[in-house]
């Protein structure tokens, strides 16, 4: 509950900064938490390659890259 409230605040802040997508590396064991509780989805290989071309990414061994469209929710 507490982390979900914190994450909601972070998402509102990102929205106010006009951030469109949130990308994160998730450990295999934690991937289901990010996808089921926070609405992330596993990034396709093509999408990951596009991000790597356009942005500086750090990818850790044993992780999956996840992404989520930042939702602008009312407070």
PDB file of N, CA and C in Angstrom:
ATOM      1  N   UNK A   1       0.792  -1.191   0.000  1.00  0.00           N
ATOM      2  CA  UNK A   1       0.000   0.000   0.000  1.00  0.00           C
ATOM      3  C   UNK A   1       0.842   1.265   0.000  1.00  0.00           C
ATOM      4  N   UNK A   2       1.840   1.331   0.869  1.00  0.00           N
ATOM      5  CA  UNK A   2       2.648   2.561   0.979  1.00  0.00           C
ATOM      6  C   UNK A   2       3.425   2.822  -0.298  1.00  0.00           C
ATOM      7  N   UNK A   3       4.024   1.778  -0.873  1.00  0.00           N
ATOM      8  CA  UNK A   3       4.799   1.983  -2.094  1.00  0.00           C
ATOM      9  C   UNK A   3       3.893   2.379  -3.252  1.00  0.00           C
ATOM     10  N   UNK A   4       2.686   1.814  -3.297  1.00  0.00           N
ATOM     11  CA  UNK A   4       1.758   2.187  -4.365  1.00  0.00           C
ATOM     12  C   UNK A   4       1.393   3.666  -4.258  1.00  0.00           C
ATOM     13  N   UNK A   5       1.214   4.169  -3.029  1.00  0.00           N
ATOM     14  CA  UNK A   5       0.910   5.589  -2.840  1.00  0.00           C
ATOM     15  C   UNK A   5       2.092   6.450  -3.280  1.00  0.00           C
ATOM     16  N   UNK A   6       3.295   6.039  -2.915  1.00  0.00           N
ATOM     17  CA  UNK A   6       4.504   6.755  -3.324  1.00  0.00           C
ATOM     18  C   UNK A   6       4.642   6.753  -4.841  1.00  0.00           C
ATOM     19  N   UNK A   7       4.434   5.589  -5.450  1.00  0.00           N
ATOM     20  CA  UNK A   7       4.562   5.476  -6.902  1.00  0.00           C
ATOM     21  C   UNK A   7       3.535   6.359  -7.605  1.00  0.00           C
ATOM     22  N   UNK A   8       2.353   6.458  -7.056  1.00  0.00           N
ATOM     23  CA  UNK A   8       1.312   7.319  -7.619  1.00  0.00           C
ATOM     24  C   UNK A   8       1.754   8.783  -7.588  1.00  0.00           C
ATOM     25  N   UNK A   9       2.373   9.202  -6.482  1.00  0.00           N
ATOM     26  CA  UNK A   9       2.893  10.571  -6.385  1.00  0.00           C
ATOM     27  C   UNK A   9       4.003  10.807  -7.402  1.00  0.00           C
ATOM     28  N   UNK A  10       4.875   9.839  -7.549  1.00  0.00           N
ATOM     29  CA  UNK A  10       5.966   9.950  -8.523  1.00  0.00           C
ATOM     30  C   UNK A  10       5.396  10.069  -9.933  1.00  0.00           C
ATOM     31  N   UNK A  11       4.382   9.274 -10.210  1.00  0.00           N
ATOM     32  CA  UNK A  11       3.776   9.309 -11.546  1.00  0.00           C
ATOM     33  C   UNK A  11       3.111  10.663 -11.817  1.00  0.00           C
ATOM     34  N   UNK A  12       2.460  11.247 -10.813  1.00  0.00           N
ATOM     35  CA  UNK A  12       1.871  12.581 -10.988  1.00  0.00           C
ATOM     36  C   UNK A  12       2.949  13.627 -11.251  1.00  0.00           C
ATOM     37  N   UNK A  13       4.073  13.515 -10.537  1.00  0.00           N
ATOM     38  CA  UNK A  13       5.186  14.441 -10.756  1.00  0.00           C
ATOM     39  C   UNK A  13       5.729  14.300 -12.175  1.00  0.00           C
ATOM     40  N   UNK A  14       5.935  13.067 -12.615  1.00  0.00           N
ATOM     41  CA  UNK A  14       6.433  12.830 -13.974  1.00  0.00           C
ATOM     42  C   UNK A  14       5.469  13.397 -15.009  1.00  0.00           C
ATOM     43  N   UNK A  15       4.182  13.247 -14.758  1.00  0.00           N
ATOM     44  CA  UNK A  15       3.168  13.787 -15.667  1.00  0.00           C
ATOM     45  C   UNK A  15       3.289  15.310 -15.746  1.00  0.00           C
ATOM     46  N   UNK A  16       3.472  15.957 -14.596  1.00  0.00           N
ATOM     47  CA  UNK A  16       3.590  17.419 -14.591  1.00  0.00           C
ATOM     48  C   UNK A  16       4.841  17.885 -15.332  1.00  0.00           C
ATOM     49  N   UNK A  17       5.833  17.012 -15.431  1.00  0.00           N
ATOM     50  CA  UNK A  17       7.063  17.323 -16.175  1.00  0.00           C
ATOM     51  C   UNK A  17       6.982  16.886 -17.636  1.00  0.00           C
ATOM     52  N   UNK A  18       5.788  16.454 -18.051  1.00  0.00           N
ATOM     53  CA  UNK A  18       5.521  16.003 -19.422  1.00  0.00           C
ATOM     54  C   UNK A  18       6.332  14.774 -19.831  1.00  0.00           C
ATOM     55  N   UNK A  19       6.631  13.917 -18.868  1.00  0.00           N
ATOM     56  CA  UNK A  19       7.284  12.644 -19.161  1.00  0.00           C
ATOM     57  C   UNK A  19       6.238  11.725 -19.767  1.00  0.00           C
ATOM     58  N   UNK A  20       6.543  11.088 -20.866  1.00  0.00           N
ATOM     59  CA  UNK A  20       5.571  10.242 -21.553  1.00  0.00           C
ATOM     60  C   UNK A  20       5.682   8.774 -21.160  1.00  0.00           C
ATOM     61  N   UNK A  21       6.911   8.253 -21.033  1.00  0.00           N
ATOM     62  CA  UNK A  21       7.117   6.843 -20.741  1.00  0.00           C
ATOM     63  C   UNK A  21       8.114   6.674 -19.608  1.00  0.00           C
ATOM     64  N   UNK A  22       7.881   5.659 -18.813  1.00  0.00           N
ATOM     65  CA  UNK A  22       8.783   5.301 -17.733  1.00  0.00           C
ATOM     66  C   UNK A  22       9.355   3.933 -18.061  1.00  0.00           C
ATOM     67  N   UNK A  23      10.685   3.822 -18.045  1.00  0.00           N
ATOM     68  CA  UNK A  23      11.379   2.595 -18.411  1.00  0.00           C
ATOM     69  C   UNK A  23      12.248   2.181 -17.238  1.00  0.00           C
ATOM     70  N   UNK A  24      12.218   0.884 -16.901  1.00  0.00           N
ATOM     71  CA  UNK A  24      13.060   0.417 -15.804  1.00  0.00           C
ATOM     72  C   UNK A  24      13.514  -1.014 -16.025  1.00  0.00           C
ATOM     73  N   UNK A  25      14.715  -1.339 -15.508  1.00  0.00           N
ATOM     74  CA  UNK A  25      15.160  -2.728 -15.541  1.00  0.00           C
ATOM     75  C   UNK A  25      14.613  -3.432 -14.311  1.00  0.00           C
ATOM     76  N   UNK A  26      13.984  -4.576 -14.492  1.00  0.00           N
ATOM     77  CA  UNK A  26      13.399  -5.318 -13.370  1.00  0.00           C
ATOM     78  C   UNK A  26      14.047  -6.689 -13.264  1.00  0.00           C
ATOM     79  N   UNK A  27      14.413  -7.053 -12.051  1.00  0.00           N
ATOM     80  CA  UNK A  27      14.936  -8.396 -11.805  1.00  0.00           C
ATOM     81  C   UNK A  27      13.849  -9.403 -12.157  1.00  0.00           C
ATOM     82  N   UNK A  28      14.238 -10.553 -12.653  1.00  0.00           N
ATOM     83  CA  UNK A  28      13.273 -11.562 -13.081  1.00  0.00           C
ATOM     84  C   UNK A  28      12.265 -11.893 -11.982  1.00  0.00           C
ATOM     85  N   UNK A  29      12.731 -11.985 -10.739  1.00  0.00           N
ATOM     86  CA  UNK A  29      11.832 -12.331  -9.627  1.00  0.00           C
ATOM     87  C   UNK A  29      10.842 -11.217  -9.310  1.00  0.00           C
ATOM     88  N   UNK A  30      11.176  -9.973  -9.631  1.00  0.00           N
ATOM     89  CA  UNK A  30      10.306  -8.842  -9.324  1.00  0.00           C
ATOM     90  C   UNK A  30       9.448  -8.398 -10.509  1.00  0.00           C
ATOM     91  N   UNK A  31       9.675  -8.998 -11.659  1.00  0.00           N
ATOM     92  CA  UNK A  31       8.975  -8.558 -12.871  1.00  0.00           C
ATOM     93  C   UNK A  31       7.457  -8.611 -12.720  1.00  0.00           C
ATOM     94  N   UNK A  32       6.938  -9.663 -12.119  1.00  0.00           N
ATOM     95  CA  UNK A  32       5.481  -9.798 -11.996  1.00  0.00           C
ATOM     96  C   UNK A  32       4.884  -8.724 -11.092  1.00  0.00           C
ATOM     97  N   UNK A  33       5.624  -8.263 -10.112  1.00  0.00           N
ATOM     98  CA  UNK A  33       5.124  -7.185  -9.247  1.00  0.00           C
ATOM     99  C   UNK A  33       4.942  -5.916 -10.074  1.00  0.00           C
ATOM    100  N   UNK A  34       5.952  -5.580 -10.883  1.00  0.00           N
ATOM    101  CA  UNK A  34       5.880  -4.375 -11.699  1.00  0.00           C
ATOM    102  C   UNK A  34       4.769  -4.467 -12.740  1.00  0.00           C
ATOM    103  N   UNK A  35       4.594  -5.649 -13.321  1.00  0.00           N
ATOM    104  CA  UNK A  35       3.582  -5.774 -14.376  1.00  0.00           C
ATOM    105  C   UNK A  35       2.168  -5.876 -13.804  1.00  0.00           C
ATOM    106  N   UNK A  36       1.997  -6.627 -12.736  1.00  0.00           N
ATOM    107  CA  UNK A  36       0.642  -6.839 -12.198  1.00  0.00           C
ATOM    108  C   UNK A  36       0.158  -5.708 -11.305  1.00  0.00           C
ATOM    109  N   UNK A  37       1.038  -5.129 -10.492  1.00  0.00           N
ATOM    110  CA  UNK A  37       0.601  -4.093  -9.545  1.00  0.00           C
ATOM    111  C   UNK A  37       0.752  -2.675 -10.079  1.00  0.00           C
ATOM    112  N   UNK A  38       1.713  -2.461 -10.969  1.00  0.00           N
ATOM    113  CA  UNK A  38       1.998  -1.094 -11.383  1.00  0.00           C
ATOM    114  C   UNK A  38       1.772  -0.835 -12.864  1.00  0.00           C
ATOM    115  N   UNK A  39       1.331  -1.842 -13.605  1.00  0.00           N
ATOM    116  CA  UNK A  39       0.926  -1.631 -14.986  1.00  0.00           C
ATOM    117  C   UNK A  39       2.042  -1.557 -16.019  1.00  0.00           C
ATOM    118  N   UNK A  40       3.231  -2.016 -15.677  1.00  0.00           N
ATOM    119  CA  UNK A  40       4.318  -2.045 -16.655  1.00  0.00           C
ATOM    120  C   UNK A  40       4.122  -3.235 -17.586  1.00  0.00           C
ATOM    121  N   UNK A  41       4.789  -3.196 -18.732  1.00  0.00           N
ATOM    122  CA  UNK A  41       4.783  -4.332 -19.651  1.00  0.00           C
ATOM    123  C   UNK A  41       6.212  -4.568 -20.122  1.00  0.00           C
ATOM    124  N   UNK A  42       6.478  -5.801 -20.469  1.00  0.00           N
ATOM    125  CA  UNK A  42       7.807  -6.153 -20.946  1.00  0.00           C
ATOM    126  C   UNK A  42       8.023  -5.503 -22.306  1.00  0.00           C
ATOM    127  N   UNK A  43       9.179  -4.898 -22.474  1.00  0.00           N
ATOM    128  CA  UNK A  43       9.489  -4.188 -23.708  1.00  0.00           C
ATOM    129  C   UNK A  43       9.885  -5.176 -24.799  1.00  0.00           C
ATOM    130  N   UNK A  44       9.372  -4.968 -25.985  1.00  0.00           N
ATOM    131  CA  UNK A  44       9.744  -5.823 -27.111  1.00  0.00           C
ATOM    132  C   UNK A  44      11.201  -5.547 -27.479  1.00  0.00           C
ATOM    133  N   UNK A  45      11.815  -6.495 -28.136  1.00  0.00           N
ATOM    134  CA  UNK A  45      13.208  -6.354 -28.561  1.00  0.00           C
ATOM    135  C   UNK A  45      13.379  -5.140 -29.480  1.00  0.00           C
ATOM    136  N   UNK A  46      12.426  -4.938 -30.388  1.00  0.00           N
ATOM    137  CA  UNK A  46      12.488  -3.813 -31.320  1.00  0.00           C
ATOM    138  C   UNK A  46      12.401  -2.481 -30.568  1.00  0.00           C
ATOM    139  N   UNK A  47      11.508  -2.427 -29.604  1.00  0.00           N
ATOM    140  CA  UNK A  47      11.332  -1.197 -28.814  1.00  0.00           C
ATOM    141  C   UNK A  47      12.593  -0.910 -27.993  1.00  0.00           C
ATOM    142  N   UNK A  48      13.183  -1.966 -27.421  1.00  0.00           N
ATOM    143  CA  UNK A  48      14.413  -1.813 -26.651  1.00  0.00           C
ATOM    144  C   UNK A  48      15.536  -1.276 -27.536  1.00  0.00           C
ATOM    145  N   UNK A  49      15.660  -1.801 -28.745  1.00  0.00           N
ATOM    146  CA  UNK A  49      16.691  -1.312 -29.668  1.00  0.00           C
ATOM    147  C   UNK A  49      16.480   0.163 -30.012  1.00  0.00           C
ATOM    148  N   UNK A  50      15.215   0.565 -30.176  1.00  0.00           N
ATOM    149  CA  UNK A  50      14.909   1.973 -30.454  1.00  0.00           C
ATOM    150  C   UNK A  50      15.337   2.846 -29.278  1.00  0.00           C
ATOM    151  N   UNK A  51      15.014   2.425 -28.061  1.00  0.00           N
ATOM    152  CA  UNK A  51      15.426   3.181 -26.881  1.00  0.00           C
ATOM    153  C   UNK A  51      16.950   3.268 -26.799  1.00  0.00           C
ATOM    154  N   UNK A  52      17.627   2.172 -27.111  1.00  0.00           N
ATOM    155  CA  UNK A  52      19.085   2.176 -27.050  1.00  0.00           C
ATOM    156  C   UNK A  52      19.691   3.127 -28.077  1.00  0.00           C
ATOM    157  N   UNK A  53      19.038   3.267 -29.239  1.00  0.00           N
ATOM    158  CA  UNK A  53      19.509   4.214 -30.251  1.00  0.00           C
ATOM    159  C   UNK A  53      19.282   5.659 -29.805  1.00  0.00           C
ATOM    160  N   UNK A  54      18.131   5.902 -29.173  1.00  0.00           N
ATOM    161  CA  UNK A  54      17.721   7.271 -28.855  1.00  0.00           C
ATOM    162  C   UNK A  54      18.197   7.789 -27.497  1.00  0.00           C
ATOM    163  N   UNK A  55      18.444   6.876 -26.549  1.00  0.00           N
ATOM    164  CA  UNK A  55      18.759   7.281 -25.179  1.00  0.00           C
ATOM    165  C   UNK A  55      19.917   6.472 -24.620  1.00  0.00           C
ATOM    166  N   UNK A  56      20.511   6.991 -23.566  1.00  0.00           N
ATOM    167  CA  UNK A  56      21.565   6.281 -22.847  1.00  0.00           C
ATOM    168  C   UNK A  56      20.889   5.372 -21.826  1.00  0.00           C
ATOM    169  N   UNK A  57      20.971   4.063 -22.020  1.00  0.00           N
ATOM    170  CA  UNK A  57      20.335   3.109 -21.109  1.00  0.00           C
ATOM    171  C   UNK A  57      21.389   2.282 -20.394  1.00  0.00           C
ATOM    172  N   UNK A  58      21.079   1.921 -19.160  1.00  0.00           N
ATOM    173  CA  UNK A  58      21.900   0.972 -18.423  1.00  0.00           C
ATOM    174  C   UNK A  58      21.086  -0.307 -18.297  1.00  0.00           C
ATOM    175  N   UNK A  59      21.611  -1.383 -18.813  1.00  0.00           N
ATOM    176  CA  UNK A  59      20.914  -2.672 -18.769  1.00  0.00           C
ATOM    177  C   UNK A  59      21.754  -3.631 -17.936  1.00  0.00           C
ATOM    178  N   UNK A  60      21.127  -4.210 -16.932  1.00  0.00           N
ATOM    179  CA  UNK A  60      21.821  -5.114 -16.032  1.00  0.00           C
ATOM    180  C   UNK A  60      21.555  -6.561 -16.418  1.00  0.00           C
ATOM    181  N   UNK A  61      22.558  -7.399 -16.259  1.00  0.00           N
ATOM    182  CA  UNK A  61      22.408  -8.819 -16.548  1.00  0.00           C
ATOM    183  C   UNK A  61      21.342  -9.413 -15.618  1.00  0.00           C
ATOM    184  N   UNK A  62      20.482 -10.257 -16.171  1.00  0.00           N
ATOM    185  CA  UNK A  62      19.439 -10.900 -15.379  1.00  0.00           C
ATOM    186  C   UNK A  62      18.208 -10.041 -15.150  1.00  0.00           C
ATOM    187  N   UNK A  63      18.085  -8.961 -15.934  1.00  0.00           N
ATOM    188  CA  UNK A  63      16.900  -8.110 -15.798  1.00  0.00           C
ATOM    189  C   UNK A  63      16.137  -8.058 -17.118  1.00  0.00           C
ATOM    190  N   UNK A  64      14.880  -7.674 -17.005  1.00  0.00           N
ATOM    191  CA  UNK A  64      14.041  -7.418 -18.171  1.00  0.00           C
ATOM    192  C   UNK A  64      13.748  -5.928 -18.197  1.00  0.00           C
ATOM    193  N   UNK A  65      13.723  -5.357 -19.379  1.00  0.00           N
ATOM    194  CA  UNK A  65      13.373  -3.944 -19.479  1.00  0.00           C
ATOM    195  C   UNK A  65      11.858  -3.827 -19.588  1.00  0.00           C
ATOM    196  N   UNK A  66      11.295  -3.040 -18.702  1.00  0.00           N
ATOM    197  CA  UNK A  66       9.855  -2.833 -18.659  1.00  0.00           C
ATOM    198  C   UNK A  66       9.559  -1.373 -18.972  1.00  0.00           C
ATOM    199  N   UNK A  67       8.354  -1.134 -19.473  1.00  0.00           N
ATOM    200  CA  UNK A  67       7.954   0.240 -19.771  1.00  0.00           C
ATOM    201  C   UNK A  67       6.496   0.455 -19.410  1.00  0.00           C
ATOM    202  N   UNK A  68       6.179   1.723 -19.181  1.00  0.00           N
ATOM    203  CA  UNK A  68       4.804   2.104 -18.855  1.00  0.00           C
ATOM    204  C   UNK A  68       4.581   3.507 -19.350  1.00  0.00           C
ATOM    205  N   UNK A  69       3.448   3.729 -19.958  1.00  0.00           N
ATOM    206  CA  UNK A  69       3.056   5.085 -20.348  1.00  0.00           C
ATOM    207  C   UNK A  69       2.627   5.808 -19.075  1.00  0.00           C
ATOM    208  N   UNK A  70       3.182   6.971 -18.855  1.00  0.00           N
ATOM    209  CA  UNK A  70       2.842   7.744 -17.655  1.00  0.00           C
ATOM    210  C   UNK A  70       1.403   8.241 -17.793  1.00  0.00           C
ATOM    211  N   UNK A  71       0.596   7.916 -16.794  1.00  0.00           N
ATOM    212  CA  UNK A  71      -0.808   8.297 -16.817  1.00  0.00           C
ATOM    213  C   UNK A  71      -0.989   9.559 -15.978  1.00  0.00           C
ATOM    214  N   UNK A  72      -1.640  10.545 -16.560  1.00  0.00           N
ATOM    215  CA  UNK A  72      -1.935  11.767 -15.836  1.00  0.00           C
ATOM    216  C   UNK A  72      -3.258  11.605 -15.116  1.00  0.00           C
ATOM    217  N   UNK A  73      -3.166  11.315 -13.838  1.00  0.00           N
ATOM    218  CA  UNK A  73      -4.362  11.089 -13.023  1.00  0.00           C
ATOM    219  C   UNK A  73      -4.649  12.308 -12.158  1.00  0.00           C
ATOM    220  N   UNK A  74      -5.924  12.601 -11.921  1.00  0.00           N
ATOM    221  CA  UNK A  74      -6.245  13.716 -11.008  1.00  0.00           C
ATOM    222  C   UNK A  74      -5.804  13.376  -9.585  1.00  0.00           C
ATOM    223  N   UNK A  75      -5.507  14.417  -8.812  1.00  0.00           N
ATOM    224  CA  UNK A  75      -5.043  14.192  -7.437  1.00  0.00           C
ATOM    225  C   UNK A  75      -6.151  13.758  -6.526  1.00  0.00           C
TER     226      UNK A  75
END
